[in-house]
């Protein structure tokens, strides 16, 4: 291959990692590893919407491509990382790598029927964690989330806009929940309305954005967080609009039952498995996040039972998840933000976020009671603290593992000698 073709191949591999959920530092490290295998000395820069490769021997950019990091496909990331390792180890010729890259880019996501089933099962599992009591409520949640997943897949074929799909899915969830509540088919409007929307939260984008900020990539980190915030805003708007269309308001304070430990563990395992399918995780790697996420959720449950606050229990569980899964993500060539979010998904405070938004809407309508304002502020504060606890636990564990990895002896090709 010519020098320009080699640079083009490096940039193409970096792009497929970047747009499918791999973290910025891991994407850059993999691209540099491939470039060094070709004997290239290059600088690669990542921005929102663009990747650029520049040779150290030439001030002129050799190549640049458009790339928006809005997707999460762990199967493509894992396959691309393995292909990079094979090229660097001379097990895969550069010409064959081009064909492999084309094959990887065409890897299909989870089939629609499985995607929809996972969405419905994940939403019901989250409802169990929230304290759902009646079978009919769970059935309505399953129908709503499954239908929303079908809508998302259908819209995905028509538009590449990242906001349309979550907006329409949450709008459908709000309409179905409000209709069922008005006809007295369900007992808990709050759980039935929120559970299908929680599975839409873009947690991996939040984690990647915070990791970029921690590593000093302010512009990219801010862009990722703004993108995640827009998706959350679209979900919230769709949900509240669906409720308002039928004249129903989301209750801010609704009594729920305490969930026994055995139900909590089973539900968290189902939720983790469901999100693994939603993110197209290879089946042979799925047991790791399921086991770790389940144990960590049990650890959180135990910490809260011992008197820890929800945020403190979440921080402990997230730190445990990160310390266990980070080495696995590195070895298995998986995007840590995605696999980490999959494992902590049962702790995501989506219900608090949507409750806060509903409270703000009611306040804007003139219902400025002290109880409403207090409940709205409490929901928002709790959500922010839990999100920070999850992010701090995962990112702190990642920084610890990165520090330890840098201190390990390296082989000549730049890889860890112990791997």
Protein backbone atom coordinates (compact mmCIF):
# COMPACT_ATOMS: atom_id res chain seq x y z
CA UNK A 1 0.00 0.00 0.00
CA UNK A 2 1.11 3.54 -0.65
CA UNK A 3 1.63 5.93 2.23
CA UNK A 4 -1.61 7.74 1.45
CA UNK A 5 -3.54 4.45 1.32
CA UNK A 6 -2.12 3.48 4.70
CA UNK A 7 -3.17 6.81 6.19
CA UNK A 8 -6.60 6.36 4.66
CA UNK A 9 -6.89 2.90 6.25
CA UNK A 10 -5.86 4.22 9.67
CA UNK A 11 -8.41 6.99 9.47
CA UNK A 12 -11.15 4.61 8.31
CA UNK A 13 -10.56 2.34 11.31
CA UNK A 14 -10.55 5.35 13.64
CA UNK A 15 -13.84 6.50 12.16
CA UNK A 16 -15.62 3.18 12.61
CA UNK A 17 -14.57 3.14 16.26
CA UNK A 18 -15.52 6.77 16.82
CA UNK A 19 -19.03 6.62 15.35
CA UNK A 20 -19.94 3.36 17.13
CA UNK A 21 -19.32 4.40 20.72
CA UNK A 22 -15.63 3.85 21.45
CA UNK A 23 -14.13 6.40 23.83
CA UNK A 24 -11.88 9.15 22.49
CA UNK A 25 -8.69 7.98 24.21
CA UNK A 26 -9.23 4.37 23.15
CA UNK A 27 -9.95 5.43 19.57
CA UNK A 28 -6.77 7.49 19.38
CA UNK A 29 -4.67 4.75 20.98
CA UNK A 30 -5.96 2.14 18.52
CA UNK A 31 -5.36 4.43 15.53
CA UNK A 32 -1.81 5.22 16.66
CA UNK A 33 -1.17 1.52 17.23
CA UNK A 34 -2.22 0.77 13.64
CA UNK A 35 -0.21 3.70 12.26
CA UNK A 36 2.94 2.58 14.08
CA UNK A 37 2.52 -0.88 12.55
CA UNK A 38 2.82 0.80 9.14
CA UNK A 39 5.77 2.88 10.30
CA UNK A 40 3.74 6.07 10.10
CA UNK A 41 4.18 9.05 12.40
CA UNK A 42 0.83 10.78 12.42
CA UNK A 43 -1.37 13.00 14.53
CA UNK A 44 -5.08 12.29 14.65
CA UNK A 45 -7.60 14.83 15.89
CA UNK A 46 -11.22 14.15 16.75
CA UNK A 47 -13.91 16.79 16.67
CA UNK A 48 -17.64 16.60 16.65
CA UNK A 49 -18.48 15.79 13.06
CA UNK A 50 -14.92 15.33 11.81
CA UNK A 51 -11.78 13.22 12.06
CA UNK A 52 -8.49 14.49 10.67
CA UNK A 53 -5.17 12.75 10.16
CA UNK A 54 -1.92 14.66 9.73
CA UNK A 55 1.58 13.36 9.09
CA UNK A 56 4.35 14.59 11.36
CA UNK A 57 6.57 14.90 8.30
CA UNK A 58 4.03 17.05 6.49
CA UNK A 59 2.10 20.03 7.81
CA UNK A 60 -0.68 19.39 5.33
CA UNK A 61 -3.62 17.18 6.44
CA UNK A 62 -3.50 13.99 4.46
CA UNK A 63 -7.12 13.07 4.94
CA UNK A 64 -10.24 14.06 6.79
CA UNK A 65 -13.67 12.48 7.00
CA UNK A 66 -17.01 13.42 8.50
CA UNK A 67 -17.97 11.45 11.58
CA UNK A 68 -20.71 12.04 14.13
CA UNK A 69 -20.34 9.91 17.28
CA UNK A 70 -24.06 9.34 17.78
CA UNK A 71 -24.25 5.54 17.62
CA UNK A 72 -23.41 2.65 19.91
CA UNK A 73 -22.65 -0.74 18.35
CA UNK A 74 -20.36 -2.85 20.50
CA UNK A 75 -20.10 -5.67 17.97
CA UNK A 76 -18.60 -3.33 15.36
CA UNK A 77 -16.21 -1.80 17.90
CA UNK A 78 -15.00 -5.18 19.14
CA UNK A 79 -14.55 -6.47 15.58
CA UNK A 80 -12.64 -3.34 14.51
CA UNK A 81 -10.33 -3.52 17.54
CA UNK A 82 -9.53 -7.16 16.81
CA UNK A 83 -8.82 -6.34 13.16
CA UNK A 84 -6.41 -3.58 14.22
CA UNK A 85 -4.59 -6.03 16.49
CA UNK A 86 -4.39 -8.56 13.65
CA UNK A 87 -2.93 -6.00 11.22
CA UNK A 88 -0.40 -4.80 13.79
CA UNK A 89 0.62 -8.41 14.54
CA UNK A 90 0.97 -9.18 10.80
CA UNK A 91 -1.84 -11.74 10.97
CA UNK A 92 -3.92 -9.68 8.55
CA UNK A 93 -2.56 -8.07 5.40
CA UNK A 94 -3.45 -4.40 4.76
CA UNK A 95 -5.37 -5.29 1.61
CA UNK A 96 -7.36 -7.87 3.53
CA UNK A 97 -7.93 -5.29 6.27
CA UNK A 98 -9.77 -3.12 3.75
CA UNK A 99 -12.17 -5.97 3.06
CA UNK A 100 -12.49 -6.66 6.76
CA UNK A 101 -13.28 -3.00 7.39
CA UNK A 102 -16.04 -3.07 4.79
CA UNK A 103 -17.47 -6.22 6.36
CA UNK A 104 -17.37 -4.68 9.85
CA UNK A 105 -19.12 -1.51 8.69
CA UNK A 106 -21.94 -3.67 7.33
CA UNK A 107 -22.43 -5.76 10.46
CA UNK A 108 -26.16 -5.56 11.18
CA UNK A 109 -27.50 -4.48 14.57
CA UNK A 110 -29.71 -6.77 16.60
CA UNK A 111 -32.72 -7.91 14.51
CA UNK A 112 -35.87 -5.86 14.99
CA UNK A 113 -37.80 -8.61 16.75
CA UNK A 114 -34.97 -9.13 19.25
CA UNK A 115 -34.41 -5.38 19.63
CA UNK A 116 -38.12 -4.87 20.40
CA UNK A 117 -38.23 -7.82 22.80
CA UNK A 118 -35.17 -6.50 24.63
CA UNK A 119 -36.71 -3.02 24.89
CA UNK A 120 -39.92 -4.43 26.34
CA UNK A 121 -38.13 -6.74 28.76
CA UNK A 122 -35.74 -3.97 29.87
CA UNK A 123 -38.62 -1.57 30.51
CA UNK A 124 -40.48 -4.15 32.60
CA UNK A 125 -37.30 -4.90 34.55
CA UNK A 126 -36.88 -1.21 35.32
CA UNK A 127 -40.52 -1.09 36.41
CA UNK A 128 -39.89 -3.93 38.85
CA UNK A 129 -36.97 -1.97 40.31
CA UNK A 130 -39.26 1.07 40.57
CA UNK A 131 -41.79 -1.02 42.51
CA UNK A 132 -44.53 -2.00 40.02
CA UNK A 133 -47.22 -4.02 41.74
CA UNK A 134 -49.83 -5.11 39.20
CA UNK A 135 -49.45 -7.48 36.27
CA UNK A 136 -51.57 -5.30 33.99
CA UNK A 137 -49.23 -2.37 34.59
CA UNK A 138 -46.26 -4.54 33.60
CA UNK A 139 -48.11 -5.74 30.48
CA UNK A 140 -48.84 -2.16 29.41
CA UNK A 141 -45.19 -1.21 29.95
CA UNK A 142 -44.06 -4.14 27.80
CA UNK A 143 -46.46 -3.22 24.99
CA UNK A 144 -45.47 0.45 25.12
CA UNK A 145 -41.71 -0.18 25.09
CA UNK A 146 -41.96 -2.86 22.38
CA UNK A 147 -44.06 -0.63 20.16
CA UNK A 148 -41.67 2.25 20.77
CA UNK A 149 -38.72 0.08 19.71
CA UNK A 150 -40.52 -0.82 16.46
CA UNK A 151 -41.19 2.88 15.86
CA UNK A 152 -37.52 3.69 16.44
CA UNK A 153 -36.35 1.06 13.97
CA UNK A 154 -38.87 2.22 11.38
CA UNK A 155 -37.89 5.86 11.75
CA UNK A 156 -34.21 4.90 11.63
CA UNK A 157 -34.72 3.78 8.03
CA UNK A 158 -36.33 7.11 7.11
CA UNK A 159 -34.22 9.67 8.97
CA UNK A 160 -30.73 9.86 10.46
CA UNK A 161 -31.81 12.56 12.93
CA UNK A 162 -30.81 11.40 16.40
CA UNK A 163 -33.70 13.23 18.11
CA UNK A 164 -36.66 11.99 16.08
CA UNK A 165 -36.56 8.40 17.29
CA UNK A 166 -36.49 9.02 21.07
CA UNK A 167 -39.07 11.80 20.75
CA UNK A 168 -41.57 9.62 18.90
CA UNK A 169 -40.99 6.61 21.16
CA UNK A 170 -41.53 8.67 24.32
CA UNK A 171 -44.55 10.41 22.76
CA UNK A 172 -46.10 7.00 22.13
CA UNK A 173 -45.30 5.93 25.71
CA UNK A 174 -47.00 9.05 27.09
CA UNK A 175 -50.12 8.59 24.96
CA UNK A 176 -50.50 4.91 25.81
CA UNK A 177 -49.95 5.49 29.53
CA UNK A 178 -52.37 8.42 29.65
CA UNK A 179 -55.02 6.52 27.72
CA UNK A 180 -54.72 3.46 29.93
CA UNK A 181 -54.91 5.64 33.05
CA UNK A 182 -58.00 7.51 31.88
CA UNK A 183 -59.79 4.23 31.23
CA UNK A 184 -58.58 2.89 34.60
CA UNK A 185 -56.65 0.01 33.07
CA UNK A 186 -53.53 0.70 35.14
CA UNK A 187 -52.93 1.66 38.76
CA UNK A 188 -49.61 3.55 38.52
CA UNK A 189 -49.42 6.23 35.85
CA UNK A 190 -45.93 7.27 36.97
CA UNK A 191 -44.30 3.85 36.56
CA UNK A 192 -46.17 2.95 33.36
CA UNK A 193 -45.26 6.26 31.73
CA UNK A 194 -41.63 6.44 32.87
CA UNK A 195 -40.37 2.88 32.44
CA UNK A 196 -40.47 2.79 28.58
CA UNK A 197 -38.68 6.17 28.53
CA UNK A 198 -35.87 5.21 30.89
CA UNK A 199 -34.48 2.76 28.33
CA UNK A 200 -34.01 5.69 25.92
CA UNK A 201 -31.54 7.56 28.16
CA UNK A 202 -28.21 8.08 26.26
CA UNK A 203 -25.97 7.09 29.16
CA UNK A 204 -22.96 6.03 27.09
CA UNK A 205 -22.80 9.49 25.46
CA UNK A 206 -22.87 11.11 28.91
CA UNK A 207 -20.02 8.92 30.13
CA UNK A 208 -17.92 9.51 27.00
CA UNK A 209 -18.54 13.25 27.29
CA UNK A 210 -17.49 13.38 30.94
CA UNK A 211 -14.41 11.29 30.17
CA UNK A 212 -13.44 13.79 27.46
CA UNK A 213 -13.83 16.67 29.91
CA UNK A 214 -11.68 14.90 32.49
CA UNK A 215 -8.97 14.36 29.84
CA UNK A 216 -9.01 18.03 28.85
CA UNK A 217 -10.93 17.63 25.58
CA UNK A 218 -13.34 20.37 26.51
CA UNK A 219 -14.89 21.05 23.11
CA UNK A 220 -15.55 17.41 22.27
CA UNK A 221 -16.74 16.61 25.79
CA UNK A 222 -19.11 19.57 25.77
CA UNK A 223 -20.43 18.56 22.34
CA UNK A 224 -21.11 15.02 23.55
CA UNK A 225 -22.91 16.26 26.65
CA UNK A 226 -24.97 18.76 24.65
CA UNK A 227 -25.96 15.95 22.28
CA UNK A 228 -26.97 13.74 25.22
CA UNK A 229 -28.86 16.65 26.79
CA UNK A 230 -30.79 17.24 23.58
CA UNK A 231 -31.81 13.58 23.46
CA UNK A 232 -32.98 13.71 27.08
CA UNK A 233 -34.90 16.91 26.28
CA UNK A 234 -36.52 15.19 23.28
CA UNK A 235 -37.52 12.21 25.44
CA UNK A 236 -38.96 14.46 28.13
CA UNK A 237 -40.83 16.62 25.64
CA UNK A 238 -42.33 13.62 23.90
CA UNK A 239 -43.45 12.02 27.17
CA UNK A 240 -45.01 15.18 28.60
CA UNK A 241 -46.67 16.03 25.27
CA UNK A 242 -48.23 12.57 25.12
CA UNK A 243 -49.65 13.03 28.62
CA UNK A 244 -50.88 16.58 27.96
CA UNK A 245 -52.68 15.55 24.76
CA UNK A 246 -54.99 13.40 26.89
CA UNK A 247 -55.22 15.88 29.74
CA UNK A 248 -53.11 13.92 32.25
CA UNK A 249 -50.29 15.16 34.46
CA UNK A 250 -47.43 13.01 35.72
CA UNK A 251 -47.70 12.63 39.51
CA UNK A 252 -44.61 13.80 41.33
CA UNK A 253 -45.14 11.86 44.51
CA UNK A 254 -46.58 8.39 44.21
CA UNK A 255 -46.28 5.70 46.86
CA UNK A 256 -44.36 2.62 45.70
CA UNK A 257 -43.57 -0.64 47.40
CA UNK A 258 -40.16 -1.64 48.66
CA UNK A 259 -38.60 -4.22 46.35
CA UNK A 260 -37.18 -7.40 47.97
CA UNK A 261 -33.54 -8.15 47.28
CA UNK A 262 -34.22 -11.24 45.16
CA UNK A 263 -36.59 -9.32 42.87
CA UNK A 264 -34.14 -6.44 42.66
CA UNK A 265 -31.30 -8.77 41.60
CA UNK A 266 -33.34 -10.60 38.97
CA UNK A 267 -34.71 -7.37 37.53
CA UNK A 268 -31.27 -5.76 37.33
CA UNK A 269 -29.90 -8.83 35.52
CA UNK A 270 -32.73 -8.67 32.97
CA UNK A 271 -32.19 -4.93 32.50
CA UNK A 272 -28.46 -5.37 31.87
CA UNK A 273 -29.05 -8.22 29.41
CA UNK A 274 -31.69 -6.18 27.59
CA UNK A 275 -29.41 -3.17 27.17
CA UNK A 276 -26.62 -5.44 25.98
CA UNK A 277 -28.89 -6.49 23.13
CA UNK A 278 -29.92 -2.90 22.43
CA UNK A 279 -26.23 -2.01 22.05
CA UNK A 280 -25.51 -5.07 19.84
CA UNK A 281 -23.09 -6.68 22.26
CA UNK A 282 -21.58 -9.97 21.01
CA UNK A 283 -23.42 -12.83 22.79
CA UNK A 284 -20.23 -14.42 24.11
CA UNK A 285 -19.39 -11.22 26.02
CA UNK A 286 -22.83 -10.63 27.50
CA UNK A 287 -22.35 -12.67 30.72
CA UNK A 288 -19.68 -10.26 32.02
CA UNK A 289 -21.80 -7.11 32.34
CA UNK A 290 -24.81 -9.14 33.46
CA UNK A 291 -22.89 -10.76 36.32
CA UNK A 292 -21.00 -7.63 37.34
CA UNK A 293 -24.04 -5.36 37.02
CA UNK A 294 -26.18 -7.72 39.07
CA UNK A 295 -23.61 -8.03 41.84
CA UNK A 296 -23.05 -4.27 41.88
CA UNK A 297 -26.76 -3.59 42.12
CA UNK A 298 -26.98 -6.01 45.02
CA UNK A 299 -24.06 -4.13 46.60
CA UNK A 300 -25.97 -0.85 46.17
CA UNK A 301 -29.11 -2.39 47.69
CA UNK A 302 -27.08 -3.63 50.68
CA UNK A 303 -25.36 -0.26 51.13
CA UNK A 304 -28.69 1.55 51.19
CA UNK A 305 -30.09 -1.02 53.65
CA UNK A 306 -27.08 -0.33 55.91
CA UNK A 307 -27.96 3.37 56.03
CA UNK A 308 -25.99 4.79 53.10
CA UNK A 309 -27.70 7.41 50.97
CA UNK A 310 -28.85 6.48 47.46
CA UNK A 311 -26.00 8.51 45.95
CA UNK A 312 -23.37 6.95 48.22
CA UNK A 313 -24.60 3.44 47.49
CA UNK A 314 -24.59 4.20 43.77
CA UNK A 315 -21.03 5.56 43.97
CA UNK A 316 -19.78 2.40 45.68
CA UNK A 317 -21.52 0.15 43.14
CA UNK A 318 -20.30 2.19 40.15
CA UNK A 319 -16.71 2.14 41.40
CA UNK A 320 -16.90 -1.63 41.81
CA UNK A 321 -18.32 -2.00 38.29
CA UNK A 322 -15.57 0.14 36.80
CA UNK A 323 -12.71 -1.63 38.55
CA UNK A 324 -13.97 -5.04 37.44
CA UNK A 325 -15.13 -4.22 33.92
CA UNK A 326 -12.34 -1.89 32.79
CA UNK A 327 -9.75 -4.70 32.42
CA UNK A 328 -12.38 -6.87 30.73
CA UNK A 329 -13.27 -4.07 28.31
CA UNK A 330 -9.59 -3.66 27.41
CA UNK A 331 -9.00 -7.37 26.92
CA UNK A 332 -12.20 -7.98 24.99
CA UNK A 333 -11.74 -4.81 22.92
CA UNK A 334 -15.06 -3.32 24.02
CA UNK A 335 -16.04 0.36 24.43
CA UNK A 336 -15.85 1.00 28.17
CA UNK A 337 -18.51 3.75 28.22
CA UNK A 338 -21.06 1.44 26.58
CA UNK A 339 -20.27 -1.66 28.63
CA UNK A 340 -20.10 0.46 31.79
CA UNK A 341 -23.46 2.08 31.10
CA UNK A 342 -25.02 -1.31 30.37
CA UNK A 343 -23.90 -2.47 33.81
CA UNK A 344 -25.17 0.60 35.70
CA UNK A 345 -28.38 1.04 33.71
CA UNK A 346 -30.56 -0.23 36.56
CA UNK A 347 -29.28 2.68 38.68
CA UNK A 348 -29.96 5.44 36.13
CA UNK A 349 -32.24 8.08 37.74
CA UNK A 350 -34.42 8.57 34.68
CA UNK A 351 -37.60 8.62 36.77
CA UNK A 352 -36.27 11.58 38.78
CA UNK A 353 -35.36 13.50 35.62
CA UNK A 354 -38.78 13.08 34.04
CA UNK A 355 -40.55 13.82 37.32
CA UNK A 356 -38.57 17.06 37.63
CA UNK A 357 -39.55 18.04 34.08
CA UNK A 358 -43.22 17.33 34.80
CA UNK A 359 -43.01 19.46 37.94
CA UNK A 360 -41.49 22.34 35.98
CA UNK A 361 -44.34 22.15 33.46
CA UNK A 362 -46.93 22.25 36.23
CA UNK A 363 -45.18 25.22 37.84
CA UNK A 364 -45.19 27.01 34.48
CA UNK A 365 -48.95 26.42 34.30
CA UNK A 366 -49.41 28.38 37.53
CA UNK A 367 -49.54 25.59 40.11
CA UNK A 368 -46.93 27.14 42.40
CA UNK A 369 -47.65 25.20 45.58
CA UNK A 370 -44.93 24.69 48.13
CA UNK A 371 -45.28 20.91 47.87
CA UNK A 372 -44.92 20.99 44.07
CA UNK A 373 -41.86 23.22 44.14
CA UNK A 374 -40.26 21.12 46.87
CA UNK A 375 -40.92 17.84 45.06
CA UNK A 376 -39.59 19.25 41.77
CA UNK A 377 -36.39 20.51 43.36
CA UNK A 378 -35.90 17.26 45.25
CA UNK A 379 -36.32 15.17 42.09
CA UNK A 380 -33.88 17.30 40.11
CA UNK A 381 -31.29 17.39 42.85
CA UNK A 382 -31.50 13.65 43.44
CA UNK A 383 -31.14 12.94 39.71
CA UNK A 384 -28.07 15.15 39.36
CA UNK A 385 -26.37 13.67 42.44
CA UNK A 386 -26.97 10.08 41.26
CA UNK A 387 -25.70 10.88 37.75
CA UNK A 388 -22.56 12.43 39.23
CA UNK A 389 -22.09 9.43 41.52
CA UNK A 390 -22.35 6.99 38.60
CA UNK A 391 -20.03 9.07 36.43
CA UNK A 392 -17.50 9.60 39.21
CA UNK A 393 -17.40 5.90 40.06
CA UNK A 394 -16.88 4.77 36.46
CA UNK A 395 -14.48 7.52 35.42
CA UNK A 396 -12.42 7.26 38.62
CA UNK A 397 -12.01 3.53 38.10
CA UNK A 398 -11.03 4.17 34.47
CA UNK A 399 -8.37 6.68 35.52
CA UNK A 400 -7.00 4.19 38.05
CA UNK A 401 -6.77 1.44 35.44
CA UNK A 402 -5.22 3.80 32.87
CA UNK A 403 -2.57 4.80 35.43
CA UNK A 404 -1.77 1.18 36.24
CA UNK A 405 -1.70 0.31 32.55
CA UNK A 406 0.86 3.04 31.85
CA UNK A 407 3.17 1.60 34.53
CA UNK A 408 3.17 -1.90 33.07
CA UNK A 409 6.12 -2.99 30.90
CA UNK A 410 5.45 -2.66 27.19
CA UNK A 411 6.60 -4.84 24.32
CA UNK A 412 8.20 -3.45 21.19
CA UNK A 413 4.89 -3.11 19.40
CA UNK A 414 3.53 -0.94 22.23
CA UNK A 415 1.15 -3.48 23.69
CA UNK A 416 1.01 -4.68 27.27
CA UNK A 417 3.49 -7.49 27.75
CA UNK A 418 1.12 -9.27 30.12
CA UNK A 419 -1.70 -9.53 27.61
